[in-house]
């Protein structure tokens, strides 16, 4: 499989998981699917394949002592950019899964944080941390009973 096809497939692969946790968070199927590590194993395998195939001996010096200019040059290569992008897909979905499970466990609203995480991972994480703090600090609810979403 060529890099472009793997890149496209990985982008499409993550979308159903995001759709489930954002739009159908309380569905039993969503819970079952998100219990599995299989999506992450498959994405990590694609990452590993691209990672191995993107390493070139002539880039060894740049990888040994990374500077910003070296990273920019390396990411100008399609293979390295694809590795980086799949890295984002894996990590953003993993963080999204964590936000999802935290929301399920605590009853804290997550749709905004998950949507942000899909498009800008760290902002979704920050949003969830902030939402969690706001909810615990200012929203009065039963002590041991999570708020139903």
N, C-alpha and C. Protein backbone atom coordinates (compact mmCIF):
# COMPACT_ATOMS: atom_id res chain seq x y z
N UNK A 1 0.86 -1.18 0.00
CA UNK A 1 0.00 0.00 0.00
C UNK A 1 0.90 1.23 0.00
N UNK A 2 0.56 2.21 -0.82
CA UNK A 2 1.40 3.40 -0.87
C UNK A 2 1.03 4.38 0.26
N UNK A 3 1.89 5.34 0.47
CA UNK A 3 1.74 6.29 1.58
C UNK A 3 0.43 7.06 1.50
N UNK A 4 0.09 7.53 0.31
CA UNK A 4 -1.13 8.32 0.14
C UNK A 4 -2.37 7.51 0.51
N UNK A 5 -2.41 6.26 0.07
CA UNK A 5 -3.56 5.41 0.39
C UNK A 5 -3.64 5.12 1.90
N UNK A 6 -2.51 4.84 2.51
CA UNK A 6 -2.50 4.58 3.95
C UNK A 6 -2.90 5.82 4.74
N UNK A 7 -2.44 6.97 4.31
CA UNK A 7 -2.81 8.25 4.93
C UNK A 7 -4.33 8.44 4.85
N UNK A 8 -4.90 8.26 3.67
CA UNK A 8 -6.34 8.43 3.47
C UNK A 8 -7.12 7.42 4.30
N UNK A 9 -6.68 6.17 4.27
CA UNK A 9 -7.36 5.11 5.03
C UNK A 9 -7.33 5.41 6.53
N UNK A 10 -6.21 5.86 7.05
CA UNK A 10 -6.11 6.18 8.48
C UNK A 10 -7.05 7.33 8.85
N UNK A 11 -7.13 8.34 7.99
CA UNK A 11 -8.04 9.46 8.24
C UNK A 11 -9.48 8.99 8.31
N UNK A 12 -9.87 8.12 7.39
CA UNK A 12 -11.24 7.61 7.37
C UNK A 12 -11.49 6.63 8.52
N UNK A 13 -10.47 5.88 8.88
CA UNK A 13 -10.60 4.86 9.92
C UNK A 13 -11.03 5.46 11.26
N UNK A 14 -10.52 6.62 11.62
CA UNK A 14 -10.81 7.19 12.94
C UNK A 14 -12.20 7.83 13.04
N UNK A 15 -12.77 8.21 11.92
CA UNK A 15 -14.03 8.96 11.94
C UNK A 15 -15.19 8.24 12.63
N UNK A 16 -15.42 6.96 12.39
CA UNK A 16 -16.53 6.31 13.10
C UNK A 16 -16.37 6.32 14.63
N UNK A 17 -15.15 6.22 15.10
CA UNK A 17 -14.92 6.24 16.56
C UNK A 17 -15.27 7.60 17.13
N UNK A 18 -14.83 8.66 16.43
CA UNK A 18 -15.17 10.01 16.86
C UNK A 18 -16.68 10.23 16.81
N UNK A 19 -17.33 9.76 15.75
CA UNK A 19 -18.78 9.93 15.62
C UNK A 19 -19.50 9.24 16.79
N UNK A 20 -19.06 8.06 17.15
CA UNK A 20 -19.69 7.34 18.26
C UNK A 20 -19.55 8.09 19.58
N UNK A 21 -18.33 8.51 19.92
CA UNK A 21 -18.14 9.13 21.24
C UNK A 21 -18.72 10.54 21.31
N UNK A 22 -18.83 11.22 20.18
CA UNK A 22 -19.40 12.57 20.19
C UNK A 22 -20.92 12.54 20.12
N UNK A 23 -21.48 11.75 19.20
CA UNK A 23 -22.91 11.80 18.95
C UNK A 23 -23.73 10.72 19.65
N UNK A 24 -23.11 9.61 20.00
CA UNK A 24 -23.83 8.52 20.66
C UNK A 24 -23.06 8.01 21.88
N UNK A 25 -22.71 8.90 22.80
CA UNK A 25 -21.84 8.50 23.91
C UNK A 25 -22.46 7.48 24.87
N UNK A 26 -23.76 7.47 25.00
CA UNK A 26 -24.40 6.57 25.96
C UNK A 26 -24.91 5.28 25.35
N UNK A 27 -24.70 5.10 24.07
CA UNK A 27 -25.13 3.89 23.38
C UNK A 27 -24.24 2.73 23.84
N UNK A 28 -24.85 1.60 24.09
CA UNK A 28 -24.10 0.43 24.56
C UNK A 28 -23.03 0.00 23.56
N UNK A 29 -23.30 0.13 22.27
CA UNK A 29 -22.33 -0.22 21.23
C UNK A 29 -21.10 0.68 21.34
N UNK A 30 -21.33 1.95 21.59
CA UNK A 30 -20.21 2.89 21.75
C UNK A 30 -19.33 2.45 22.90
N UNK A 31 -19.95 2.14 24.01
CA UNK A 31 -19.17 1.69 25.18
C UNK A 31 -18.36 0.45 24.86
N UNK A 32 -18.98 -0.49 24.18
CA UNK A 32 -18.29 -1.74 23.84
C UNK A 32 -17.11 -1.49 22.90
N UNK A 33 -17.34 -0.67 21.87
CA UNK A 33 -16.29 -0.36 20.91
C UNK A 33 -15.13 0.37 21.60
N UNK A 34 -15.45 1.31 22.47
CA UNK A 34 -14.40 2.11 23.09
C UNK A 34 -13.67 1.38 24.22
N UNK A 35 -14.16 0.22 24.62
CA UNK A 35 -13.42 -0.62 25.57
C UNK A 35 -12.21 -1.26 24.91
N UNK A 36 -12.25 -1.40 23.61
CA UNK A 36 -11.22 -2.11 22.87
C UNK A 36 -10.00 -1.24 22.58
N UNK A 37 -8.85 -1.89 22.60
CA UNK A 37 -7.62 -1.23 22.18
C UNK A 37 -7.31 -1.50 20.71
N UNK A 38 -8.13 -2.32 20.06
CA UNK A 38 -7.89 -2.70 18.68
C UNK A 38 -7.70 -1.51 17.73
N UNK A 39 -8.54 -0.46 17.81
CA UNK A 39 -8.30 0.67 16.90
C UNK A 39 -6.91 1.28 17.06
N UNK A 40 -6.43 1.32 18.28
CA UNK A 40 -5.11 1.90 18.54
C UNK A 40 -3.99 0.99 18.07
N UNK A 41 -4.22 -0.31 18.20
CA UNK A 41 -3.23 -1.28 17.71
C UNK A 41 -3.10 -1.17 16.19
N UNK A 42 -4.23 -1.08 15.50
CA UNK A 42 -4.21 -0.97 14.04
C UNK A 42 -3.55 0.34 13.59
N UNK A 43 -3.91 1.45 14.24
CA UNK A 43 -3.29 2.73 13.89
C UNK A 43 -1.81 2.74 14.23
N UNK A 44 -1.44 2.16 15.36
CA UNK A 44 -0.03 2.11 15.74
C UNK A 44 0.76 1.23 14.78
N UNK A 45 0.13 0.18 14.26
CA UNK A 45 0.80 -0.67 13.27
C UNK A 45 1.04 0.11 11.97
N UNK A 46 0.05 0.90 11.56
CA UNK A 46 0.24 1.75 10.38
C UNK A 46 1.35 2.77 10.64
N UNK A 47 1.37 3.32 11.84
CA UNK A 47 2.42 4.27 12.24
C UNK A 47 3.79 3.60 12.15
N UNK A 48 3.90 2.40 12.71
CA UNK A 48 5.17 1.68 12.70
C UNK A 48 5.63 1.40 11.27
N UNK A 49 4.72 0.96 10.44
CA UNK A 49 5.05 0.69 9.04
C UNK A 49 5.59 1.95 8.36
N UNK A 50 4.88 3.06 8.52
CA UNK A 50 5.33 4.31 7.90
C UNK A 50 6.63 4.81 8.53
N UNK A 51 6.75 4.66 9.83
CA UNK A 51 7.94 5.12 10.54
C UNK A 51 9.18 4.40 10.01
N UNK A 52 9.09 3.09 9.93
CA UNK A 52 10.21 2.29 9.44
C UNK A 52 10.56 2.66 8.00
N UNK A 53 9.53 2.88 7.19
CA UNK A 53 9.76 3.19 5.78
C UNK A 53 10.13 4.65 5.52
N UNK A 54 10.04 5.50 6.53
CA UNK A 54 10.38 6.91 6.32
C UNK A 54 11.80 7.24 6.78
N UNK A 55 12.41 6.34 7.53
CA UNK A 55 13.77 6.58 8.01
C UNK A 55 14.75 6.36 6.87
N UNK A 56 15.56 7.37 6.62
CA UNK A 56 16.58 7.29 5.56
C UNK A 56 17.94 7.57 6.18
N UNK A 57 18.95 6.85 5.78
CA UNK A 57 20.29 7.06 6.35
C UNK A 57 20.77 8.50 6.25
N UNK A 58 20.43 9.17 5.16
CA UNK A 58 20.89 10.55 4.99
C UNK A 58 20.24 11.53 5.98
N UNK A 59 19.17 11.10 6.65
CA UNK A 59 18.51 11.95 7.64
C UNK A 59 18.96 11.64 9.07
N UNK A 60 19.84 10.66 9.22
CA UNK A 60 20.26 10.22 10.56
C UNK A 60 20.82 11.36 11.39
N UNK A 61 21.61 12.22 10.78
CA UNK A 61 22.19 13.35 11.51
C UNK A 61 21.10 14.27 12.05
N UNK A 62 20.11 14.56 11.21
CA UNK A 62 19.02 15.44 11.64
C UNK A 62 18.23 14.83 12.80
N UNK A 63 18.00 13.51 12.76
CA UNK A 63 17.24 12.85 13.83
C UNK A 63 18.04 12.77 15.13
N UNK A 64 19.36 12.78 15.04
CA UNK A 64 20.17 12.62 16.25
C UNK A 64 20.21 13.87 17.12
N UNK A 65 20.04 15.03 16.54
CA UNK A 65 20.08 16.28 17.31
C UNK A 65 19.08 17.25 16.68
N UNK A 66 17.80 17.00 16.92
CA UNK A 66 16.75 17.75 16.24
C UNK A 66 16.75 19.24 16.58
N UNK A 67 16.73 20.01 15.55
CA UNK A 67 16.52 21.45 15.63
C UNK A 67 15.24 21.75 14.86
N UNK A 68 14.63 22.89 15.11
CA UNK A 68 13.38 23.23 14.44
C UNK A 68 13.52 23.20 12.92
N UNK A 69 14.60 23.72 12.39
CA UNK A 69 14.82 23.72 10.94
C UNK A 69 14.91 22.30 10.40
N UNK A 70 15.52 21.39 11.16
CA UNK A 70 15.61 19.99 10.74
C UNK A 70 14.22 19.35 10.71
N UNK A 71 13.42 19.64 11.72
CA UNK A 71 12.07 19.09 11.76
C UNK A 71 11.26 19.59 10.57
N UNK A 72 11.38 20.88 10.27
CA UNK A 72 10.66 21.45 9.11
C UNK A 72 11.11 20.77 7.82
N UNK A 73 12.39 20.55 7.67
CA UNK A 73 12.90 19.90 6.47
C UNK A 73 12.42 18.45 6.40
N UNK A 74 12.49 17.73 7.53
CA UNK A 74 12.05 16.34 7.54
C UNK A 74 10.55 16.23 7.23
N UNK A 75 9.75 17.12 7.80
CA UNK A 75 8.31 17.07 7.58
C UNK A 75 7.91 17.53 6.19
N UNK A 76 8.85 18.06 5.43
CA UNK A 76 8.54 18.40 4.04
C UNK A 76 8.52 17.14 3.16
N UNK A 77 9.00 16.03 3.70
CA UNK A 77 8.94 14.75 3.00
C UNK A 77 7.57 14.12 3.28
N UNK A 78 6.91 13.65 2.22
CA UNK A 78 5.58 13.05 2.37
C UNK A 78 5.56 11.92 3.39
N UNK A 79 6.57 11.07 3.35
CA UNK A 79 6.57 9.92 4.25
C UNK A 79 6.65 10.35 5.71
N UNK A 80 7.46 11.34 6.01
CA UNK A 80 7.59 11.82 7.39
C UNK A 80 6.33 12.56 7.81
N UNK A 81 5.75 13.35 6.91
CA UNK A 81 4.50 14.05 7.23
C UNK A 81 3.38 13.04 7.52
N UNK A 82 3.33 11.95 6.76
CA UNK A 82 2.32 10.92 6.99
C UNK A 82 2.52 10.26 8.36
N UNK A 83 3.77 9.99 8.72
CA UNK A 83 4.06 9.43 10.04
C UNK A 83 3.58 10.40 11.13
N UNK A 84 3.91 11.67 10.97
CA UNK A 84 3.50 12.67 11.95
C UNK A 84 1.98 12.77 12.06
N UNK A 85 1.32 12.73 10.91
CA UNK A 85 -0.14 12.85 10.92
C UNK A 85 -0.80 11.65 11.60
N UNK A 86 -0.30 10.45 11.31
CA UNK A 86 -0.87 9.27 11.95
C UNK A 86 -0.57 9.28 13.45
N UNK A 87 0.57 9.84 13.82
CA UNK A 87 0.88 10.05 15.24
C UNK A 87 -0.22 10.90 15.87
N UNK A 88 -0.60 12.00 15.22
CA UNK A 88 -1.67 12.86 15.72
C UNK A 88 -2.99 12.09 15.82
N UNK A 89 -3.31 11.31 14.78
CA UNK A 89 -4.56 10.55 14.78
C UNK A 89 -4.63 9.59 15.96
N UNK A 90 -3.55 8.86 16.19
CA UNK A 90 -3.51 7.88 17.28
C UNK A 90 -3.64 8.59 18.64
N UNK A 91 -2.81 9.59 18.84
CA UNK A 91 -2.79 10.24 20.15
C UNK A 91 -4.06 11.04 20.42
N UNK A 92 -4.58 11.73 19.41
CA UNK A 92 -5.82 12.49 19.61
C UNK A 92 -6.98 11.55 19.93
N UNK A 93 -7.07 10.44 19.21
CA UNK A 93 -8.15 9.49 19.49
C UNK A 93 -7.97 8.87 20.87
N UNK A 94 -6.74 8.59 21.26
CA UNK A 94 -6.50 8.02 22.58
C UNK A 94 -6.91 9.01 23.68
N UNK A 95 -6.56 10.26 23.50
CA UNK A 95 -6.98 11.29 24.46
C UNK A 95 -8.49 11.46 24.42
N UNK A 96 -9.07 11.43 23.22
CA UNK A 96 -10.53 11.50 23.10
C UNK A 96 -11.21 10.35 23.83
N UNK A 97 -10.63 9.18 23.72
CA UNK A 97 -11.18 8.01 24.43
C UNK A 97 -11.11 8.24 25.94
N UNK A 98 -10.02 8.80 26.40
CA UNK A 98 -9.89 9.07 27.83
C UNK A 98 -10.93 10.09 28.27
N UNK A 99 -11.11 11.16 27.51
CA UNK A 99 -12.13 12.17 27.82
C UNK A 99 -13.51 11.51 27.84
N UNK A 100 -13.77 10.69 26.84
CA UNK A 100 -15.05 9.98 26.76
C UNK A 100 -15.29 9.16 28.04
N UNK A 101 -14.31 8.35 28.44
CA UNK A 101 -14.50 7.51 29.63
C UNK A 101 -14.61 8.34 30.90
N UNK A 102 -13.88 9.43 30.98
CA UNK A 102 -14.03 10.32 32.14
C UNK A 102 -15.45 10.88 32.21
N UNK A 103 -15.98 11.26 31.06
CA UNK A 103 -17.36 11.76 31.00
C UNK A 103 -18.36 10.69 31.40
N UNK A 104 -18.13 9.46 30.94
CA UNK A 104 -19.02 8.36 31.31
C UNK A 104 -18.96 8.08 32.81
N UNK A 105 -17.77 8.16 33.36
CA UNK A 105 -17.56 7.85 34.78
C UNK A 105 -18.13 8.94 35.69
N UNK A 106 -17.93 10.20 35.30
CA UNK A 106 -18.29 11.30 36.20
C UNK A 106 -19.58 12.01 35.82
N UNK A 107 -20.05 11.80 34.59
CA UNK A 107 -21.25 12.49 34.14
C UNK A 107 -20.97 13.90 33.64
N UNK A 108 -19.71 14.26 33.54
CA UNK A 108 -19.35 15.60 33.06
C UNK A 108 -19.57 15.68 31.56
N UNK A 109 -20.13 16.79 31.11
CA UNK A 109 -20.43 17.02 29.70
C UNK A 109 -19.13 17.03 28.91
N UNK A 110 -19.09 16.31 27.78
CA UNK A 110 -17.84 16.16 27.03
C UNK A 110 -17.93 16.51 25.55
N UNK A 111 -19.11 16.73 25.00
CA UNK A 111 -19.23 16.89 23.55
C UNK A 111 -18.34 18.01 23.01
N UNK A 112 -18.24 19.11 23.72
CA UNK A 112 -17.40 20.23 23.26
C UNK A 112 -15.92 19.86 23.33
N UNK A 113 -15.52 19.18 24.38
CA UNK A 113 -14.12 18.79 24.53
C UNK A 113 -13.73 17.74 23.49
N UNK A 114 -14.63 16.79 23.24
CA UNK A 114 -14.35 15.77 22.23
C UNK A 114 -14.28 16.38 20.83
N UNK A 115 -15.17 17.33 20.54
CA UNK A 115 -15.14 18.00 19.23
C UNK A 115 -13.84 18.76 19.06
N UNK A 116 -13.42 19.46 20.09
CA UNK A 116 -12.13 20.17 20.03
C UNK A 116 -10.97 19.19 19.89
N UNK A 117 -11.04 18.09 20.61
CA UNK A 117 -9.97 17.09 20.56
C UNK A 117 -9.84 16.50 19.16
N UNK A 118 -10.95 16.31 18.49
CA UNK A 118 -10.93 15.79 17.12
C UNK A 118 -10.14 16.71 16.20
N UNK A 119 -10.33 18.01 16.35
CA UNK A 119 -9.71 18.97 15.43
C UNK A 119 -8.42 19.59 15.96
N UNK A 120 -8.25 19.64 17.25
CA UNK A 120 -7.06 20.25 17.86
C UNK A 120 -6.83 19.60 19.22
N UNK A 121 -6.30 18.37 19.19
CA UNK A 121 -6.17 17.52 20.37
C UNK A 121 -5.89 18.19 21.70
N UNK A 122 -4.79 18.92 21.83
CA UNK A 122 -4.48 19.52 23.12
C UNK A 122 -5.54 20.52 23.61
N UNK A 123 -6.22 21.20 22.69
CA UNK A 123 -7.28 22.12 23.11
C UNK A 123 -8.47 21.37 23.67
N UNK A 124 -8.76 20.19 23.11
CA UNK A 124 -9.82 19.35 23.65
C UNK A 124 -9.48 18.85 25.05
N UNK A 125 -8.23 18.49 25.25
CA UNK A 125 -7.79 18.06 26.58
C UNK A 125 -7.90 19.21 27.57
N UNK A 126 -7.42 20.37 27.18
CA UNK A 126 -7.51 21.56 28.04
C UNK A 126 -8.97 21.88 28.35
N UNK A 127 -9.82 21.80 27.35
CA UNK A 127 -11.24 22.06 27.53
C UNK A 127 -11.85 21.10 28.55
N UNK A 128 -11.49 19.83 28.44
CA UNK A 128 -12.04 18.85 29.38
C UNK A 128 -11.54 19.11 30.80
N UNK A 129 -10.27 19.40 30.93
CA UNK A 129 -9.73 19.68 32.27
C UNK A 129 -10.44 20.89 32.88
N UNK A 130 -10.63 21.93 32.07
CA UNK A 130 -11.32 23.13 32.53
C UNK A 130 -12.78 22.84 32.86
N UNK A 131 -13.45 22.08 32.00
CA UNK A 131 -14.85 21.72 32.24
C UNK A 131 -14.99 20.89 33.52
N UNK A 132 -14.07 19.97 33.71
CA UNK A 132 -14.07 19.16 34.92
C UNK A 132 -13.92 20.04 36.16
N UNK A 133 -12.99 20.98 36.11
CA UNK A 133 -12.77 21.88 37.25
C UNK A 133 -14.00 22.74 37.51
N UNK A 134 -14.56 23.33 36.44
CA UNK A 134 -15.75 24.18 36.57
C UNK A 134 -16.90 23.38 37.18
N UNK A 135 -17.11 22.20 36.67
CA UNK A 135 -18.22 21.36 37.14
C UNK A 135 -18.05 21.00 38.61
N UNK A 136 -16.85 20.59 38.97
CA UNK A 136 -16.62 20.19 40.36
C UNK A 136 -16.63 21.38 41.30
N UNK A 137 -16.25 22.55 40.81
CA UNK A 137 -16.16 23.73 41.65
C UNK A 137 -17.49 24.46 41.80
N UNK A 138 -18.24 24.57 40.72
CA UNK A 138 -19.41 25.45 40.73
C UNK A 138 -20.76 24.78 40.57
N UNK A 139 -20.79 23.58 40.04
CA UNK A 139 -22.07 22.92 39.83
C UNK A 139 -22.36 22.04 41.03
N UNK A 140 -23.49 22.29 41.63
CA UNK A 140 -23.88 21.51 42.80
C UNK A 140 -24.71 20.32 42.33
N UNK A 141 -24.21 19.13 42.61
CA UNK A 141 -24.97 17.92 42.28
C UNK A 141 -24.86 16.96 43.43
N UNK A 142 -25.58 15.87 43.34
CA UNK A 142 -25.52 14.86 44.41
C UNK A 142 -24.09 14.43 44.62
N UNK A 143 -23.74 14.19 45.85
CA UNK A 143 -22.35 13.89 46.20
C UNK A 143 -21.78 12.68 45.48
N UNK A 144 -22.51 11.59 45.43
CA UNK A 144 -21.95 10.38 44.84
C UNK A 144 -22.63 9.98 43.53
N UNK A 145 -23.62 10.72 43.12
CA UNK A 145 -24.38 10.36 41.91
C UNK A 145 -23.96 11.23 40.74
N UNK A 146 -23.34 10.63 39.68
CA UNK A 146 -22.93 11.43 38.53
C UNK A 146 -24.13 11.99 37.77
N UNK A 147 -23.95 13.14 37.19
CA UNK A 147 -24.98 13.79 36.38
C UNK A 147 -25.13 13.00 35.09
N UNK A 148 -26.35 12.64 34.70
CA UNK A 148 -26.56 11.91 33.44
C UNK A 148 -26.48 12.89 32.27
N UNK A 149 -25.75 12.46 31.25
CA UNK A 149 -25.56 13.29 30.05
C UNK A 149 -26.72 13.08 29.10
